[in-house]
Amino acid sequence: MFSGIEQFPTAGKAQVEAQYEFVTNLAQTGLEGIARLTALNMSLARAALDEYPAAARQRLSANSPQEWLTVAASQVGPQIERMLSYGRQAAEITVALQGELSRATQGAAQQQQAAMQDVQAKAKK
């Protein structure tokens, strides 16, 4: 009389598996994004640590306050450019990560909708 009832345990299992796959994909995508941001941060920190001793030596070698200001001012431009580049790269990573997460979410929603329609169709038979 109720032939569709047998489909519910199978549909429930498929639903749980789909959710598990979705969460796993989201977590993997998130971790990849965090890894990219961490690599960017490490690169910036490494560059700053590599350049700091030379910049400090240049400032300390100044013979007058005017010369010190000139040296310090010449070092500001590259630092600002480096920070702007960092901001651009961080924004690119964030936008790419947001797009990947959005696509994954949309794909999962479409799969869920198709699965539910399949269960409804089987239940009606």
Foldseek 3Di string as FASTA:
>chain_A
DQQLVVCVVVLVVVVVVLVVVLVVVLVVLVVVLVVQLVVLVVVLVVVCVVCVVVLVVCLVPDPDPVSNVVSVVVVVVVVVVSVVVSVVSNVVSVVVSVVSNVVSVVVSVVVVVVSVVVSVVSRVD
